[in-house]
N, C-alpha and C. Protein backbone atom coordinates (compact mmCIF):
# COMPACT_ATOMS: atom_id res chain seq x y z
N UNK A 1 82.28 115.23 113.71
CA UNK A 1 81.23 114.77 114.61
C UNK A 1 81.73 113.58 115.44
N UNK A 2 82.49 112.68 114.80
CA UNK A 2 83.04 111.53 115.52
C UNK A 2 83.95 112.00 116.65
N UNK A 3 84.80 112.95 116.34
CA UNK A 3 85.72 113.48 117.37
C UNK A 3 84.93 114.11 118.52
N UNK A 4 83.89 114.86 118.19
CA UNK A 4 83.09 115.50 119.23
C UNK A 4 82.42 114.46 120.12
N UNK A 5 81.85 113.43 119.51
CA UNK A 5 81.14 112.40 120.26
C UNK A 5 82.07 111.53 121.09
N UNK A 6 83.35 111.49 120.73
CA UNK A 6 84.30 110.65 121.46
C UNK A 6 85.28 111.48 122.30
N UNK A 7 84.93 112.73 122.54
CA UNK A 7 85.79 113.59 123.34
C UNK A 7 87.16 113.82 122.72
N UNK A 8 87.23 113.83 121.38
CA UNK A 8 88.47 114.06 120.67
C UNK A 8 89.28 112.81 120.40
N UNK A 9 88.86 111.68 120.93
CA UNK A 9 89.62 110.43 120.83
C UNK A 9 89.55 109.80 119.45
N UNK A 10 88.40 109.72 118.88
CA UNK A 10 88.18 109.02 117.61
C UNK A 10 87.53 107.67 117.86
N UNK A 11 87.01 107.08 116.81
CA UNK A 11 86.32 105.79 116.91
C UNK A 11 87.32 104.64 117.08
N UNK A 12 86.94 103.60 117.81
CA UNK A 12 87.78 102.42 117.95
C UNK A 12 87.97 101.74 116.60
N UNK A 13 86.92 101.70 115.82
CA UNK A 13 86.97 101.09 114.49
C UNK A 13 86.11 101.86 113.53
N UNK A 14 86.54 101.90 112.29
CA UNK A 14 85.79 102.59 111.23
C UNK A 14 85.65 101.63 110.06
N UNK A 15 84.45 101.55 109.50
CA UNK A 15 84.22 100.75 108.30
C UNK A 15 84.07 101.72 107.12
N UNK A 16 84.92 101.56 106.13
CA UNK A 16 84.84 102.38 104.92
C UNK A 16 84.23 101.51 103.84
N UNK A 17 82.98 101.82 103.48
CA UNK A 17 82.24 100.97 102.56
C UNK A 17 81.94 101.67 101.23
N UNK A 18 82.55 102.81 100.99
CA UNK A 18 82.27 103.57 99.77
C UNK A 18 83.11 103.05 98.61
N UNK A 19 84.42 102.94 98.81
CA UNK A 19 85.30 102.49 97.74
C UNK A 19 85.42 103.54 96.66
N UNK A 20 85.81 103.08 95.48
CA UNK A 20 85.98 104.03 94.38
C UNK A 20 84.62 104.56 93.98
N UNK A 21 84.55 105.83 93.72
CA UNK A 21 83.28 106.44 93.36
C UNK A 21 82.91 106.16 91.92
N UNK A 22 81.63 106.07 91.67
CA UNK A 22 81.16 105.91 90.30
C UNK A 22 81.36 107.21 89.52
N UNK A 23 81.44 108.31 90.24
CA UNK A 23 81.62 109.62 89.61
C UNK A 23 82.80 110.30 90.28
N UNK A 24 83.80 110.62 89.50
CA UNK A 24 84.97 111.29 90.04
C UNK A 24 85.15 112.65 89.41
N UNK A 25 86.35 113.18 89.55
CA UNK A 25 86.60 114.48 88.95
C UNK A 25 86.81 114.33 87.45
N UNK A 26 86.74 115.44 86.74
CA UNK A 26 86.78 115.40 85.28
C UNK A 26 88.13 114.93 84.74
N UNK A 27 89.23 115.21 85.43
CA UNK A 27 90.55 114.77 84.97
C UNK A 27 90.62 113.24 84.98
N UNK A 28 90.17 112.63 86.10
CA UNK A 28 90.21 111.17 86.19
C UNK A 28 89.27 110.54 85.16
N UNK A 29 88.09 111.14 84.99
CA UNK A 29 87.13 110.61 84.02
C UNK A 29 87.69 110.68 82.61
N UNK A 30 88.33 111.80 82.28
CA UNK A 30 88.91 111.95 80.94
C UNK A 30 90.01 110.94 80.71
N UNK A 31 90.90 110.75 81.69
CA UNK A 31 91.99 109.78 81.55
C UNK A 31 91.44 108.38 81.37
N UNK A 32 90.41 108.03 82.14
CA UNK A 32 89.80 106.70 82.02
C UNK A 32 89.18 106.53 80.64
N UNK A 33 88.46 107.55 80.18
CA UNK A 33 87.82 107.47 78.87
C UNK A 33 88.86 107.34 77.75
N UNK A 34 89.95 108.10 77.85
CA UNK A 34 91.00 108.03 76.83
C UNK A 34 91.66 106.66 76.81
N UNK A 35 91.85 106.07 77.98
CA UNK A 35 92.46 104.73 78.03
C UNK A 35 91.58 103.72 77.30
N UNK A 36 90.28 103.96 77.28
CA UNK A 36 89.36 103.06 76.59
C UNK A 36 89.56 103.01 75.09
N UNK A 37 90.23 104.02 74.52
CA UNK A 37 90.50 104.04 73.08
C UNK A 37 91.78 103.28 72.72
N UNK A 38 92.55 102.90 73.71
CA UNK A 38 93.78 102.15 73.46
C UNK A 38 93.43 100.70 73.13
N UNK A 39 94.32 100.00 72.43
CA UNK A 39 94.10 98.55 72.24
C UNK A 39 94.01 97.89 73.61
N UNK A 40 93.20 96.84 73.72
CA UNK A 40 92.91 96.23 75.01
C UNK A 40 94.15 95.91 75.86
N UNK A 41 95.19 95.30 75.30
CA UNK A 41 96.36 95.01 76.15
C UNK A 41 97.00 96.29 76.72
N UNK A 42 97.05 97.34 75.91
CA UNK A 42 97.61 98.60 76.38
C UNK A 42 96.69 99.26 77.41
N UNK A 43 95.39 99.18 77.18
CA UNK A 43 94.44 99.78 78.13
C UNK A 43 94.54 99.10 79.49
N UNK A 44 94.65 97.75 79.50
CA UNK A 44 94.80 97.03 80.76
C UNK A 44 96.08 97.42 81.47
N UNK A 45 97.17 97.51 80.72
CA UNK A 45 98.46 97.89 81.31
C UNK A 45 98.39 99.32 81.86
N UNK A 46 97.74 100.22 81.13
CA UNK A 46 97.63 101.60 81.59
C UNK A 46 96.83 101.67 82.88
N UNK A 47 95.70 100.96 82.94
CA UNK A 47 94.86 100.98 84.15
C UNK A 47 95.61 100.38 85.34
N UNK A 48 96.40 99.34 85.08
CA UNK A 48 97.17 98.71 86.17
C UNK A 48 98.30 99.60 86.65
N UNK A 49 98.77 100.48 85.78
CA UNK A 49 99.91 101.33 86.13
C UNK A 49 99.52 102.65 86.76
N UNK A 50 98.45 103.27 86.26
CA UNK A 50 98.14 104.61 86.76
C UNK A 50 96.68 104.83 87.11
N UNK A 51 95.95 103.76 87.38
CA UNK A 51 94.56 103.93 87.79
C UNK A 51 94.49 104.66 89.12
N UNK A 52 93.59 105.62 89.23
CA UNK A 52 93.46 106.42 90.44
C UNK A 52 92.00 106.44 90.88
N UNK A 53 91.77 106.15 92.15
CA UNK A 53 90.43 106.21 92.71
C UNK A 53 90.26 107.50 93.49
N UNK A 54 89.03 107.83 93.79
CA UNK A 54 88.76 108.93 94.70
C UNK A 54 88.91 108.38 96.11
N UNK A 55 89.78 108.99 96.91
CA UNK A 55 90.08 108.43 98.24
C UNK A 55 89.54 109.29 99.37
N UNK A 56 88.56 110.14 99.09
CA UNK A 56 88.05 111.04 100.13
C UNK A 56 87.48 110.25 101.32
N UNK A 57 86.68 109.21 101.06
CA UNK A 57 86.09 108.43 102.15
C UNK A 57 87.17 107.68 102.92
N UNK A 58 88.17 107.20 102.23
CA UNK A 58 89.27 106.49 102.88
C UNK A 58 90.05 107.44 103.80
N UNK A 59 90.35 108.64 103.31
CA UNK A 59 91.06 109.62 104.13
C UNK A 59 90.23 110.01 105.35
N UNK A 60 88.92 110.12 105.18
CA UNK A 60 88.03 110.44 106.30
C UNK A 60 88.05 109.32 107.34
N UNK A 61 88.09 108.08 106.88
CA UNK A 61 88.15 106.94 107.80
C UNK A 61 89.43 106.98 108.63
N UNK A 62 90.56 107.27 107.98
CA UNK A 62 91.83 107.37 108.70
C UNK A 62 91.81 108.50 109.72
N UNK A 63 91.14 109.58 109.38
CA UNK A 63 91.06 110.72 110.29
C UNK A 63 90.14 110.43 111.48
N UNK A 64 89.06 109.71 111.24
CA UNK A 64 88.04 109.49 112.27
C UNK A 64 88.41 108.41 113.28
N UNK A 65 89.34 107.52 112.94
CA UNK A 65 89.69 106.43 113.85
C UNK A 65 90.68 106.90 114.91
N UNK A 66 90.61 106.32 116.08
CA UNK A 66 91.52 106.69 117.18
C UNK A 66 92.91 106.11 116.92
N UNK A 67 93.87 106.63 117.63
CA UNK A 67 95.23 106.10 117.59
C UNK A 67 95.17 104.63 118.03
N UNK A 68 95.75 103.75 117.23
CA UNK A 68 95.74 102.33 117.54
C UNK A 68 94.45 101.64 117.13
N UNK A 69 93.57 102.35 116.44
CA UNK A 69 92.29 101.78 116.03
C UNK A 69 92.39 100.94 114.76
N UNK A 70 91.24 100.48 114.29
CA UNK A 70 91.17 99.62 113.12
C UNK A 70 90.29 100.25 112.05
N UNK A 71 90.77 100.27 110.82
CA UNK A 71 89.98 100.70 109.67
C UNK A 71 89.73 99.46 108.82
N UNK A 72 88.46 99.13 108.61
CA UNK A 72 88.10 98.00 107.76
C UNK A 72 87.60 98.54 106.43
N UNK A 73 88.23 98.10 105.36
CA UNK A 73 87.88 98.57 104.02
C UNK A 73 87.08 97.49 103.31
N UNK A 74 85.80 97.78 103.10
CA UNK A 74 84.99 96.85 102.32
C UNK A 74 84.55 97.49 101.02
N UNK A 75 84.81 98.79 100.88
CA UNK A 75 84.60 99.46 99.61
C UNK A 75 85.67 98.98 98.64
N UNK A 76 85.32 98.84 97.38
CA UNK A 76 86.26 98.30 96.40
C UNK A 76 87.05 99.43 95.75
N UNK A 77 88.36 99.27 95.74
CA UNK A 77 89.25 100.21 95.06
C UNK A 77 89.93 99.48 93.92
N UNK A 78 90.08 100.15 92.77
CA UNK A 78 90.69 99.51 91.61
C UNK A 78 91.95 100.19 91.15
N UNK A 79 92.25 101.37 91.64
CA UNK A 79 93.44 102.10 91.21
C UNK A 79 94.70 101.56 91.84
N UNK A 80 95.82 101.84 91.20
CA UNK A 80 97.10 101.38 91.72
C UNK A 80 98.00 102.55 92.09
N UNK A 81 97.58 103.76 91.79
CA UNK A 81 98.41 104.93 92.05
C UNK A 81 97.72 105.88 93.02
N UNK A 82 97.00 105.32 93.98
CA UNK A 82 96.25 106.15 94.91
C UNK A 82 97.17 106.76 95.96
N UNK A 83 97.20 108.08 96.04
CA UNK A 83 98.02 108.69 97.07
C UNK A 83 97.29 108.68 98.41
N UNK A 84 97.83 107.96 99.38
CA UNK A 84 97.27 108.00 100.73
C UNK A 84 98.40 108.38 101.68
N UNK A 85 98.03 108.91 102.80
CA UNK A 85 99.00 109.41 103.75
C UNK A 85 99.53 108.27 104.61
N UNK A 86 100.58 107.62 104.12
CA UNK A 86 101.16 106.49 104.85
C UNK A 86 101.72 106.92 106.20
N UNK A 87 102.23 108.15 106.31
CA UNK A 87 102.77 108.62 107.59
C UNK A 87 101.66 108.69 108.64
N UNK A 88 100.47 109.14 108.24
CA UNK A 88 99.34 109.19 109.19
C UNK A 88 99.00 107.78 109.66
N UNK A 89 98.96 106.83 108.75
CA UNK A 89 98.62 105.45 109.10
C UNK A 89 99.68 104.87 110.05
N UNK A 90 100.94 105.12 109.73
CA UNK A 90 102.04 104.64 110.56
C UNK A 90 102.02 105.32 111.93
N UNK A 91 101.89 106.65 111.93
CA UNK A 91 101.94 107.42 113.18
C UNK A 91 100.80 107.05 114.12
N UNK A 92 99.62 106.78 113.58
CA UNK A 92 98.47 106.43 114.42
C UNK A 92 98.46 104.95 114.78
N UNK A 93 99.43 104.17 114.27
CA UNK A 93 99.54 102.75 114.56
C UNK A 93 98.25 102.00 114.22
N UNK A 94 97.74 102.28 113.04
CA UNK A 94 96.45 101.71 112.63
C UNK A 94 96.59 100.27 112.16
N UNK A 95 95.51 99.53 112.34
CA UNK A 95 95.39 98.20 111.77
C UNK A 95 94.43 98.34 110.60
N UNK A 96 94.83 97.86 109.44
CA UNK A 96 93.96 97.88 108.26
C UNK A 96 93.49 96.47 107.96
N UNK A 97 92.21 96.34 107.73
CA UNK A 97 91.62 95.05 107.34
C UNK A 97 90.86 95.31 106.06
N UNK A 98 91.01 94.44 105.09
CA UNK A 98 90.32 94.66 103.83
C UNK A 98 90.19 93.37 103.06
N UNK A 99 89.31 93.39 102.11
CA UNK A 99 89.13 92.24 101.24
C UNK A 99 87.72 92.21 100.69
N UNK A 100 87.57 91.42 99.68
CA UNK A 100 86.26 91.28 99.07
C UNK A 100 85.40 90.33 99.89
N UNK A 101 84.11 90.53 99.82
CA UNK A 101 83.18 89.67 100.55
C UNK A 101 83.23 88.25 100.01
N UNK A 102 83.22 87.29 100.92
CA UNK A 102 83.18 85.89 100.53
C UNK A 102 81.70 85.52 100.34
N UNK A 103 81.18 85.92 99.20
CA UNK A 103 79.74 85.81 98.93
C UNK A 103 79.25 84.38 99.00
N UNK A 104 79.96 83.45 98.39
CA UNK A 104 79.51 82.05 98.38
C UNK A 104 79.45 81.48 99.80
N UNK A 105 80.35 81.91 100.67
CA UNK A 105 80.36 81.40 102.04
C UNK A 105 79.15 81.89 102.84
N UNK A 106 78.77 83.16 102.70
CA UNK A 106 77.77 83.76 103.57
C UNK A 106 76.36 83.82 102.98
N UNK A 107 76.18 83.66 101.67
CA UNK A 107 74.87 83.81 101.06
C UNK A 107 73.81 82.89 101.66
N UNK A 108 74.03 81.59 101.81
CA UNK A 108 72.97 80.74 102.35
C UNK A 108 72.51 81.17 103.76
N UNK A 109 73.46 81.48 104.63
CA UNK A 109 73.12 81.88 105.99
C UNK A 109 72.36 83.22 106.02
N UNK A 110 72.83 84.17 105.21
CA UNK A 110 72.16 85.48 105.18
C UNK A 110 70.77 85.38 104.56
N UNK A 111 70.63 84.59 103.49
CA UNK A 111 69.31 84.41 102.87
C UNK A 111 68.32 83.82 103.87
N UNK A 112 68.79 82.87 104.65
CA UNK A 112 67.93 82.27 105.68
C UNK A 112 67.44 83.34 106.66
N UNK A 113 68.35 84.21 107.11
CA UNK A 113 67.96 85.29 108.02
C UNK A 113 66.98 86.26 107.38
N UNK A 114 67.12 86.50 106.09
CA UNK A 114 66.25 87.44 105.40
C UNK A 114 64.88 86.84 105.09
N UNK A 115 64.88 85.59 104.66
CA UNK A 115 63.63 84.96 104.25
C UNK A 115 62.77 84.59 105.45
N UNK A 116 63.39 84.05 106.49
CA UNK A 116 62.63 83.59 107.65
C UNK A 116 62.03 84.73 108.47
N UNK A 117 62.83 85.79 108.72
CA UNK A 117 62.31 86.83 109.61
C UNK A 117 62.80 88.23 109.29
N UNK A 118 63.46 88.44 108.16
CA UNK A 118 64.02 89.74 107.77
C UNK A 118 64.72 90.38 108.96
N UNK A 119 65.70 89.67 109.49
CA UNK A 119 66.41 90.08 110.71
C UNK A 119 67.07 91.45 110.58
N UNK A 120 67.36 91.88 109.36
CA UNK A 120 68.02 93.17 109.16
C UNK A 120 67.05 94.26 108.71
N UNK A 121 65.78 93.94 108.64
CA UNK A 121 64.74 94.90 108.23
C UNK A 121 65.07 95.53 106.88
N UNK A 122 65.53 94.71 105.93
CA UNK A 122 65.95 95.24 104.64
C UNK A 122 64.80 95.81 103.82
N UNK A 123 63.60 95.35 104.07
CA UNK A 123 62.45 95.88 103.32
C UNK A 123 62.26 97.37 103.55
N UNK A 124 62.72 97.86 104.69
CA UNK A 124 62.55 99.29 104.98
C UNK A 124 63.76 100.14 104.61
N UNK A 125 64.76 99.53 103.99
CA UNK A 125 65.93 100.31 103.56
C UNK A 125 65.65 101.14 102.31
N UNK A 126 64.76 100.67 101.46
CA UNK A 126 64.48 101.35 100.20
C UNK A 126 63.71 102.65 100.45
N UNK A 127 64.21 103.72 99.85
CA UNK A 127 63.48 104.99 99.92
C UNK A 127 62.59 105.16 98.69
N UNK A 128 62.87 104.41 97.62
CA UNK A 128 62.10 104.51 96.38
C UNK A 128 61.96 103.13 95.75
N UNK A 129 60.79 102.87 95.19
CA UNK A 129 60.53 101.62 94.46
C UNK A 129 59.99 102.01 93.09
N UNK A 130 60.72 101.58 92.05
CA UNK A 130 60.36 101.97 90.68
C UNK A 130 60.45 100.78 89.75
N UNK A 131 59.83 100.92 88.59
CA UNK A 131 59.92 99.88 87.58
C UNK A 131 61.29 99.88 86.93
N UNK A 132 61.69 98.73 86.42
CA UNK A 132 62.99 98.58 85.78
C UNK A 132 63.16 99.57 84.63
N UNK A 133 62.07 99.87 83.93
CA UNK A 133 62.15 100.81 82.80
C UNK A 133 62.53 102.22 83.27
N UNK A 134 62.41 102.49 84.55
CA UNK A 134 62.75 103.80 85.09
C UNK A 134 64.17 103.85 85.67
N UNK A 135 64.97 102.81 85.39
CA UNK A 135 66.32 102.72 85.95
C UNK A 135 67.20 103.94 85.66
N UNK A 136 67.24 104.44 84.42
CA UNK A 136 68.11 105.61 84.18
C UNK A 136 67.71 106.82 85.04
N UNK A 137 66.42 107.08 85.15
CA UNK A 137 65.95 108.20 85.97
C UNK A 137 66.23 107.93 87.45
N UNK A 138 66.09 106.68 87.86
CA UNK A 138 66.35 106.32 89.26
C UNK A 138 67.82 106.53 89.60
N UNK A 139 68.71 106.13 88.68
CA UNK A 139 70.13 106.31 88.94
C UNK A 139 70.46 107.80 89.05
N UNK A 140 69.91 108.61 88.17
CA UNK A 140 70.12 110.06 88.21
C UNK A 140 69.63 110.63 89.54
N UNK A 141 68.44 110.19 89.98
CA UNK A 141 67.88 110.65 91.25
C UNK A 141 68.79 110.25 92.41
N UNK A 142 69.30 109.03 92.38
CA UNK A 142 70.21 108.56 93.44
C UNK A 142 71.50 109.37 93.43
N UNK A 143 72.08 109.54 92.25
CA UNK A 143 73.35 110.25 92.13
C UNK A 143 73.25 111.68 92.64
N UNK A 144 72.15 112.35 92.33
CA UNK A 144 71.97 113.74 92.75
C UNK A 144 71.27 113.87 94.09
N UNK A 145 70.96 112.73 94.72
CA UNK A 145 70.29 112.70 96.03
C UNK A 145 69.00 113.52 96.03
N UNK A 146 68.28 113.44 94.91
CA UNK A 146 66.99 114.14 94.80
C UNK A 146 65.93 113.40 95.60
N UNK A 147 64.98 114.11 96.11
CA UNK A 147 63.80 113.55 96.78
C UNK A 147 64.20 112.60 97.92
N UNK A 148 65.32 112.87 98.59
CA UNK A 148 65.75 112.03 99.70
C UNK A 148 66.14 110.62 99.31
N UNK A 149 66.54 110.43 98.07
CA UNK A 149 66.84 109.09 97.55
C UNK A 149 68.13 108.54 98.13
N UNK A 150 68.01 107.40 98.82
CA UNK A 150 69.17 106.70 99.37
C UNK A 150 69.33 105.30 98.77
N UNK A 151 68.21 104.61 98.54
CA UNK A 151 68.25 103.26 98.02
C UNK A 151 67.02 103.04 97.16
N UNK A 152 67.23 102.54 95.94
CA UNK A 152 66.14 102.30 95.00
C UNK A 152 66.01 100.81 94.76
N UNK A 153 64.79 100.30 94.80
CA UNK A 153 64.51 98.92 94.40
C UNK A 153 63.82 98.99 93.06
N UNK A 154 64.39 98.31 92.07
CA UNK A 154 63.81 98.27 90.73
C UNK A 154 63.09 96.94 90.54
N UNK A 155 61.87 97.01 90.01
CA UNK A 155 61.06 95.82 89.81
C UNK A 155 60.89 95.56 88.31
N UNK A 156 61.35 94.38 87.84
CA UNK A 156 61.17 94.05 86.41
C UNK A 156 59.69 93.98 86.04
N UNK A 157 59.41 94.30 84.81
CA UNK A 157 58.04 94.18 84.32
C UNK A 157 57.12 95.30 84.73
N UNK A 158 57.65 96.35 85.31
CA UNK A 158 56.77 97.47 85.67
C UNK A 158 57.39 98.77 85.25
């Protein structure tokens, strides 16, 4: 769709905000679960050596950006053995920007924008509002995208 909308050119910049998926394929899940049975020092070393994330969203970002464009990665990746197409990145002359959010720096300013006038209209982002006791069912609904679920707000005490 991006290529169609840009006449085949691609987007000037793409933000990849998915990061590693909470749910991956069964092989990765099994390997992660098995590593959990190792003694902690060995488990940490194993995760640092062969951790693998799902990179589908990352590959899509590289494909959707134009030659010479910028891909900003704000999704968190934890694997160290992720296969990505370095030739595609090199050939397209991409700029990669990434890093964790500087939460302490931006929280006061963003809270002010949200409290004073809800500048980002965050109250309307939630598709479902449920009690905290319904969290397991809410997560399942979100994961399976049931009932148009995109964002759930959980309220303690209900």
